[in-house]
Amino acid sequence: MRIEDYKPYTDIDVNIILHYRRFVAGFRPTLLQTIGDTDALYTHAHPWFGELNPKGWMVMGMVHRIVHRR
């Protein structure tokens, strides 16, 4: 896996904020619903990595923070 394969697109249209709000609107309720079981079968799609369960989201979030703190 190469990070270059997952970098965001650069052709951003005027609806980017709307797309982000929709993503967050779906992500937060799904995570809160299933947070008690990190290995739950419930998933929510990440725009680049596909369906992730609560544990996948937490791991991806941790790695994401590490990358941006460097």
N, C-alpha and C. Protein backbone atom coordinates (compact mmCIF):
# COMPACT_ATOMS: atom_id res chain seq x y z
N MET A 1 0.83 -1.16 0.00
CA MET A 1 0.00 0.00 0.00
C MET A 1 0.89 1.24 0.00
N ARG A 2 0.51 2.18 -0.83
CA ARG A 2 1.24 3.45 -0.90
C ARG A 2 0.28 4.59 -0.58
N ILE A 3 0.68 5.49 0.27
CA ILE A 3 -0.19 6.60 0.65
C ILE A 3 -0.57 7.43 -0.57
N GLU A 4 0.29 7.47 -1.56
CA GLU A 4 0.00 8.23 -2.77
C GLU A 4 -1.26 7.73 -3.46
N ASP A 5 -1.57 6.45 -3.26
CA ASP A 5 -2.77 5.88 -3.88
C ASP A 5 -4.04 6.34 -3.18
N TYR A 6 -3.91 6.95 -2.01
CA TYR A 6 -5.08 7.33 -1.22
C TYR A 6 -5.16 8.81 -0.93
N LYS A 7 -4.28 9.58 -1.51
CA LYS A 7 -4.33 11.02 -1.27
C LYS A 7 -5.61 11.58 -1.87
N PRO A 8 -6.14 12.63 -1.24
CA PRO A 8 -7.39 13.20 -1.75
C PRO A 8 -7.21 13.80 -3.13
N TYR A 9 -8.28 13.84 -3.82
CA TYR A 9 -8.26 14.43 -5.17
C TYR A 9 -8.02 15.93 -5.06
N THR A 10 -7.54 16.51 -6.10
CA THR A 10 -7.26 17.95 -6.07
C THR A 10 -8.31 18.75 -6.82
N ASP A 11 -9.16 18.07 -7.57
CA ASP A 11 -10.23 18.75 -8.30
C ASP A 11 -11.44 18.85 -7.37
N ILE A 12 -11.45 19.87 -6.52
CA ILE A 12 -12.48 20.01 -5.50
C ILE A 12 -13.59 20.92 -6.03
N ASP A 13 -14.81 20.41 -5.96
CA ASP A 13 -15.92 21.24 -6.43
C ASP A 13 -16.55 22.00 -5.26
N VAL A 14 -17.53 22.81 -5.55
CA VAL A 14 -18.14 23.66 -4.53
C VAL A 14 -18.94 22.86 -3.51
N ASN A 15 -19.21 21.59 -3.77
CA ASN A 15 -20.01 20.77 -2.87
C ASN A 15 -19.17 20.00 -1.85
N ILE A 16 -17.88 20.29 -1.75
CA ILE A 16 -17.01 19.51 -0.88
C ILE A 16 -17.47 19.57 0.59
N ILE A 17 -17.94 20.71 1.04
CA ILE A 17 -18.40 20.83 2.42
C ILE A 17 -19.66 19.99 2.62
N LEU A 18 -20.56 20.01 1.66
CA LEU A 18 -21.76 19.19 1.73
C LEU A 18 -21.40 17.71 1.79
N HIS A 19 -20.47 17.27 0.96
CA HIS A 19 -20.02 15.87 0.98
C HIS A 19 -19.45 15.51 2.34
N TYR A 20 -18.66 16.38 2.92
CA TYR A 20 -18.06 16.12 4.23
C TYR A 20 -19.14 16.05 5.31
N ARG A 21 -20.08 16.97 5.27
CA ARG A 21 -21.16 16.96 6.27
C ARG A 21 -21.98 15.68 6.19
N ARG A 22 -22.24 15.21 4.98
CA ARG A 22 -22.98 13.94 4.82
C ARG A 22 -22.18 12.77 5.39
N PHE A 23 -20.90 12.77 5.13
CA PHE A 23 -20.04 11.72 5.66
C PHE A 23 -20.08 11.70 7.18
N VAL A 24 -19.88 12.86 7.80
CA VAL A 24 -19.87 12.96 9.26
C VAL A 24 -21.25 12.59 9.83
N ALA A 25 -22.30 13.02 9.15
CA ALA A 25 -23.66 12.72 9.63
C ALA A 25 -23.90 11.22 9.70
N GLY A 26 -23.35 10.46 8.79
CA GLY A 26 -23.49 9.01 8.82
C GLY A 26 -22.50 8.34 9.75
N PHE A 27 -21.29 8.84 9.81
CA PHE A 27 -20.23 8.23 10.60
C PHE A 27 -20.53 8.30 12.09
N ARG A 28 -20.84 9.46 12.58
CA ARG A 28 -21.01 9.64 14.03
C ARG A 28 -22.12 8.75 14.60
N PRO A 29 -23.34 8.75 14.04
CA PRO A 29 -24.37 7.87 14.61
C PRO A 29 -24.01 6.39 14.54
N THR A 30 -23.38 5.98 13.47
CA THR A 30 -22.99 4.57 13.35
C THR A 30 -21.97 4.20 14.40
N LEU A 31 -20.97 5.03 14.60
CA LEU A 31 -19.95 4.75 15.61
C LEU A 31 -20.55 4.74 17.02
N LEU A 32 -21.39 5.72 17.33
CA LEU A 32 -22.01 5.78 18.66
C LEU A 32 -22.91 4.58 18.90
N GLN A 33 -23.58 4.11 17.87
CA GLN A 33 -24.48 2.97 18.00
C GLN A 33 -23.72 1.69 18.32
N THR A 34 -22.51 1.57 17.84
CA THR A 34 -21.79 0.30 17.94
C THR A 34 -20.53 0.36 18.80
N ILE A 35 -20.27 1.48 19.42
CA ILE A 35 -19.00 1.66 20.14
C ILE A 35 -18.82 0.64 21.26
N GLY A 36 -19.91 0.12 21.81
CA GLY A 36 -19.79 -0.87 22.87
C GLY A 36 -19.11 -2.14 22.42
N ASP A 37 -19.20 -2.46 21.16
CA ASP A 37 -18.59 -3.67 20.60
C ASP A 37 -17.70 -3.26 19.44
N THR A 38 -16.41 -3.13 19.72
CA THR A 38 -15.51 -2.65 18.67
C THR A 38 -15.35 -3.62 17.52
N ASP A 39 -15.73 -4.88 17.73
CA ASP A 39 -15.67 -5.87 16.65
C ASP A 39 -17.03 -6.08 16.00
N ALA A 40 -17.92 -5.13 16.19
CA ALA A 40 -19.28 -5.25 15.65
C ALA A 40 -19.26 -5.44 14.14
N LEU A 41 -20.33 -6.01 13.65
CA LEU A 41 -20.45 -6.21 12.21
C LEU A 41 -20.94 -4.95 11.50
N TYR A 42 -21.45 -3.98 12.25
CA TYR A 42 -21.89 -2.73 11.65
C TYR A 42 -20.68 -2.02 11.04
N THR A 43 -20.90 -1.43 9.90
CA THR A 43 -19.81 -0.69 9.25
C THR A 43 -20.32 0.64 8.71
N HIS A 44 -19.36 1.50 8.42
CA HIS A 44 -19.63 2.76 7.74
C HIS A 44 -18.50 2.97 6.74
N ALA A 45 -18.85 3.38 5.56
CA ALA A 45 -17.85 3.47 4.48
C ALA A 45 -16.94 4.68 4.64
N HIS A 46 -15.64 4.42 4.57
CA HIS A 46 -14.65 5.48 4.46
C HIS A 46 -14.53 5.79 2.96
N PRO A 47 -14.39 7.06 2.60
CA PRO A 47 -14.35 7.41 1.17
C PRO A 47 -13.25 6.71 0.38
N TRP A 48 -12.12 6.37 1.01
CA TRP A 48 -11.01 5.75 0.28
C TRP A 48 -10.78 4.30 0.66
N PHE A 49 -11.07 3.92 1.91
CA PHE A 49 -10.73 2.59 2.39
C PHE A 49 -11.90 1.64 2.46
N GLY A 50 -13.09 2.11 2.13
CA GLY A 50 -14.25 1.23 2.11
C GLY A 50 -14.87 1.05 3.49
N GLU A 51 -15.61 -0.04 3.63
CA GLU A 51 -16.36 -0.31 4.86
C GLU A 51 -15.41 -0.61 6.03
N LEU A 52 -15.62 0.08 7.15
CA LEU A 52 -14.84 -0.15 8.37
C LEU A 52 -15.80 -0.34 9.54
N ASN A 53 -15.48 -1.28 10.41
CA ASN A 53 -16.27 -1.43 11.63
C ASN A 53 -15.69 -0.48 12.68
N PRO A 54 -16.27 -0.43 13.91
CA PRO A 54 -15.77 0.53 14.90
C PRO A 54 -14.27 0.41 15.17
N LYS A 55 -13.77 -0.82 15.28
CA LYS A 55 -12.33 -0.98 15.53
C LYS A 55 -11.53 -0.44 14.35
N GLY A 56 -11.96 -0.70 13.14
CA GLY A 56 -11.27 -0.19 11.96
C GLY A 56 -11.22 1.33 11.94
N TRP A 57 -12.33 1.96 12.34
CA TRP A 57 -12.36 3.42 12.39
C TRP A 57 -11.41 3.95 13.45
N MET A 58 -11.38 3.30 14.60
CA MET A 58 -10.48 3.78 15.65
C MET A 58 -9.01 3.63 15.25
N VAL A 59 -8.66 2.50 14.63
CA VAL A 59 -7.28 2.29 14.19
C VAL A 59 -6.93 3.29 13.09
N MET A 60 -7.82 3.45 12.12
CA MET A 60 -7.55 4.40 11.03
C MET A 60 -7.41 5.81 11.59
N GLY A 61 -8.25 6.17 12.56
CA GLY A 61 -8.17 7.50 13.16
C GLY A 61 -6.86 7.72 13.89
N MET A 62 -6.39 6.69 14.58
CA MET A 62 -5.12 6.80 15.30
C MET A 62 -3.97 7.02 14.32
N VAL A 63 -3.92 6.22 13.28
CA VAL A 63 -2.87 6.36 12.28
C VAL A 63 -2.96 7.72 11.61
N HIS A 64 -4.16 8.17 11.31
CA HIS A 64 -4.37 9.46 10.68
C HIS A 64 -3.81 10.59 11.55
N ARG A 65 -4.07 10.53 12.84
CA ARG A 65 -3.53 11.56 13.76
C ARG A 65 -2.02 11.53 13.79
N ILE A 66 -1.44 10.35 13.82
CA ILE A 66 0.03 10.22 13.84
C ILE A 66 0.63 10.88 12.60
N VAL A 67 0.05 10.60 11.45
CA VAL A 67 0.54 11.16 10.19
C VAL A 67 0.51 12.68 10.23
N HIS A 68 -0.59 13.24 10.71
CA HIS A 68 -0.72 14.70 10.70
C HIS A 68 0.05 15.40 11.80
N ARG A 69 0.46 14.66 12.80
CA ARG A 69 1.25 15.29 13.87
C ARG A 69 2.73 15.30 13.55
N ARG A 70 3.15 14.64 12.50
CA ARG A 70 4.57 14.62 12.13
C ARG A 70 4.98 15.92 11.52
